[in-house]
Amino acid sequence: MALIYLLLALISFLPCFVITFALTVLLRPRYTIKPLRLTLLSGLLALVSGFVFNVELDGGLLSFPVAVSLLSGIWTMLLLGGAGLYQAFSRRKVILPGR
């Protein structure tokens, strides 16, 4: 039974991987994003947040991929935004006043 959940979770991470892979190809010269790491991190965060918030699955086993896909999509967008902001500010020289 656990193998079925793992297989469904990996299938539900696929849209996040496609999004991060497409952004890696489109933004390659300016930003560096590792799609597999970001997908696994967002998937892990989606599973943890699903268990922490005690997401109740009314549809049983078939609603599991939908819930994980939605949560991992939210986490992917948050992580991509954070990574983009970090890389944008870390590459830029900040001149502090008085120096």
C-alpha atoms as a PDB file:
ATOM      1  CA  MET A   1       0.000   0.000   0.000  1.00  0.00           C
ATOM      2  CA  ALA A   2       2.872   2.358   0.793  1.00  0.00           C
ATOM      3  CA  LEU A   3       4.348   1.653  -2.641  1.00  0.00           C
ATOM      4  CA  ILE A   4       1.111   2.792  -4.266  1.00  0.00           C
ATOM      5  CA  TYR A   5       1.214   6.055  -2.296  1.00  0.00           C
ATOM      6  CA  LEU A   6       4.843   6.582  -3.298  1.00  0.00           C
ATOM      7  CA  LEU A   7       4.045   5.951  -6.961  1.00  0.00           C
ATOM      8  CA  LEU A   8       1.079   8.338  -6.864  1.00  0.00           C
ATOM      9  CA  ALA A   9       3.196  10.977  -5.115  1.00  0.00           C
ATOM     10  CA  LEU A  10       5.913  10.719  -7.760  1.00  0.00           C
ATOM     11  CA  ILE A  11       3.323  11.041 -10.518  1.00  0.00           C
ATOM     12  CA  SER A  12       1.835  14.098  -8.824  1.00  0.00           C
ATOM     13  CA  PHE A  13       5.282  15.764  -8.657  1.00  0.00           C
ATOM     14  CA  LEU A  14       5.554  15.614 -12.459  1.00  0.00           C
ATOM     15  CA  PRO A  15       3.849  18.999 -13.167  1.00  0.00           C
ATOM     16  CA  CYS A  16       6.244  20.747 -10.781  1.00  0.00           C
ATOM     17  CA  PHE A  17       9.202  19.123 -12.509  1.00  0.00           C
ATOM     18  CA  VAL A  18       7.927  20.248 -15.911  1.00  0.00           C
ATOM     19  CA  ILE A  19       7.509  23.829 -14.669  1.00  0.00           C
ATOM     20  CA  THR A  20      10.962  23.990 -13.106  1.00  0.00           C
ATOM     21  CA  PHE A  21      12.602  22.307 -16.103  1.00  0.00           C
ATOM     22  CA  ALA A  22      10.941  24.775 -18.498  1.00  0.00           C
ATOM     23  CA  LEU A  23      12.087  27.706 -16.370  1.00  0.00           C
ATOM     24  CA  THR A  24      15.600  26.280 -16.291  1.00  0.00           C
ATOM     25  CA  VAL A  25      15.679  26.180 -20.077  1.00  0.00           C
ATOM     26  CA  LEU A  26      14.154  29.647 -20.473  1.00  0.00           C
ATOM     27  CA  LEU A  27      16.216  31.424 -17.796  1.00  0.00           C
ATOM     28  CA  ARG A  28      19.501  29.570 -18.241  1.00  0.00           C
ATOM     29  CA  PRO A  29      21.896  32.463 -18.904  1.00  0.00           C
ATOM     30  CA  ARG A  30      20.661  34.583 -16.008  1.00  0.00           C
ATOM     31  CA  TYR A  31      19.458  32.238 -13.259  1.00  0.00           C
ATOM     32  CA  THR A  32      20.459  28.737 -12.260  1.00  0.00           C
ATOM     33  CA  ILE A  33      17.719  26.427 -10.999  1.00  0.00           C
ATOM     34  CA  LYS A  34      18.170  22.709 -10.378  1.00  0.00           C
ATOM     35  CA  PRO A  35      14.804  21.216 -11.360  1.00  0.00           C
ATOM     36  CA  LEU A  36      15.143  17.832  -9.674  1.00  0.00           C
ATOM     37  CA  ARG A  37      16.215  19.284  -6.335  1.00  0.00           C
ATOM     38  CA  LEU A  38      13.516  21.927  -6.374  1.00  0.00           C
ATOM     39  CA  THR A  39      10.863  19.368  -7.306  1.00  0.00           C
ATOM     40  CA  LEU A  40      11.901  16.981  -4.559  1.00  0.00           C
ATOM     41  CA  LEU A  41      12.067  19.797  -2.013  1.00  0.00           C
ATOM     42  CA  SER A  42       8.630  21.106  -2.951  1.00  0.00           C
ATOM     43  CA  GLY A  43       7.240  17.569  -2.940  1.00  0.00           C
ATOM     44  CA  LEU A  44       8.672  16.876   0.488  1.00  0.00           C
ATOM     45  CA  LEU A  45       7.300  20.181   1.773  1.00  0.00           C
ATOM     46  CA  ALA A  46       3.914  19.342   0.237  1.00  0.00           C
ATOM     47  CA  LEU A  47       3.800  15.983   2.005  1.00  0.00           C
ATOM     48  CA  VAL A  48       4.900  17.495   5.310  1.00  0.00           C
ATOM     49  CA  SER A  49       2.410  20.366   5.075  1.00  0.00           C
ATOM     50  CA  GLY A  50      -0.337  17.901   4.153  1.00  0.00           C
ATOM     51  CA  PHE A  51       0.375  15.855   7.258  1.00  0.00           C
ATOM     52  CA  VAL A  52       0.812  18.913   9.506  1.00  0.00           C
ATOM     53  CA  PHE A  53      -2.428  20.546   8.369  1.00  0.00           C
ATOM     54  CA  ASN A  54      -4.140  17.142   8.442  1.00  0.00           C
ATOM     55  CA  VAL A  55      -5.581  17.408   4.955  1.00  0.00           C
ATOM     56  CA  GLU A  56      -8.677  15.252   4.879  1.00  0.00           C
ATOM     57  CA  LEU A  57      -9.039  13.333   1.655  1.00  0.00           C
ATOM     58  CA  ASP A  58     -12.725  12.809   0.944  1.00  0.00           C
ATOM     59  CA  GLY A  59     -12.142  10.854  -2.253  1.00  0.00           C
ATOM     60  CA  GLY A  60      -9.811   8.336  -0.674  1.00  0.00           C
ATOM     61  CA  LEU A  61      -6.725   7.173  -2.502  1.00  0.00           C
ATOM     62  CA  LEU A  62      -7.569   8.884  -5.786  1.00  0.00           C
ATOM     63  CA  SER A  63      -7.715  12.344  -4.226  1.00  0.00           C
ATOM     64  CA  PHE A  64      -4.176  11.960  -2.827  1.00  0.00           C
ATOM     65  CA  PRO A  65      -2.386  12.919  -6.089  1.00  0.00           C
ATOM     66  CA  VAL A  66      -4.603  15.952  -6.532  1.00  0.00           C
ATOM     67  CA  ALA A  67      -3.902  17.239  -3.020  1.00  0.00           C
ATOM     68  CA  VAL A  68      -0.162  16.582  -3.297  1.00  0.00           C
ATOM     69  CA  SER A  69      -0.001  18.141  -6.769  1.00  0.00           C
ATOM     70  CA  LEU A  70      -1.789  21.272  -5.571  1.00  0.00           C
ATOM     71  CA  LEU A  71       0.379  21.643  -2.463  1.00  0.00           C
ATOM     72  CA  SER A  72       3.605  20.956  -4.343  1.00  0.00           C
ATOM     73  CA  GLY A  73       2.605  23.496  -7.004  1.00  0.00           C
ATOM     74  CA  ILE A  74       2.112  26.118  -4.315  1.00  0.00           C
ATOM     75  CA  TRP A  75       5.462  25.250  -2.735  1.00  0.00           C
ATOM     76  CA  THR A  76       7.166  25.312  -6.139  1.00  0.00           C
ATOM     77  CA  MET A  77       5.937  28.821  -6.868  1.00  0.00           C
ATOM     78  CA  LEU A  78       7.037  30.029  -3.426  1.00  0.00           C
ATOM     79  CA  LEU A  79      10.463  28.416  -3.750  1.00  0.00           C
ATOM     80  CA  LEU A  80      10.967  29.729  -7.287  1.00  0.00           C
ATOM     81  CA  GLY A  81      10.096  33.233  -6.160  1.00  0.00           C
ATOM     82  CA  GLY A  82      12.457  32.985  -3.208  1.00  0.00           C
ATOM     83  CA  ALA A  83      15.274  31.559  -5.319  1.00  0.00           C
ATOM     84  CA  GLY A  84      14.790  34.270  -7.938  1.00  0.00           C
ATOM     85  CA  LEU A  85      14.868  37.032  -5.346  1.00  0.00           C
ATOM     86  CA  TYR A  86      17.932  35.545  -3.673  1.00  0.00           C
ATOM     87  CA  GLN A  87      19.842  35.267  -6.942  1.00  0.00           C
ATOM     88  CA  ALA A  88      18.783  38.737  -8.063  1.00  0.00           C
ATOM     89  CA  PHE A  89      19.994  40.370  -4.856  1.00  0.00           C
ATOM     90  CA  SER A  90      23.121  38.278  -4.444  1.00  0.00           C
ATOM     91  CA  ARG A  91      24.465  39.172  -7.904  1.00  0.00           C
ATOM     92  CA  ARG A  92      23.877  42.853  -7.434  1.00  0.00           C
ATOM     93  CA  LYS A  93      26.321  45.049  -5.584  1.00  0.00           C
ATOM     94  CA  VAL A  94      24.595  46.940  -2.845  1.00  0.00           C
ATOM     95  CA  ILE A  95      26.234  50.215  -1.949  1.00  0.00           C
ATOM     96  CA  LEU A  96      25.419  51.181   1.590  1.00  0.00           C
ATOM     97  CA  PRO A  97      25.256  54.877   2.437  1.00  0.00           C
ATOM     98  CA  GLY A  98      28.261  56.180   4.328  1.00  0.00           C
ATOM     99  CA  ARG A  99      30.783  53.719   2.879  1.00  0.00           C
END
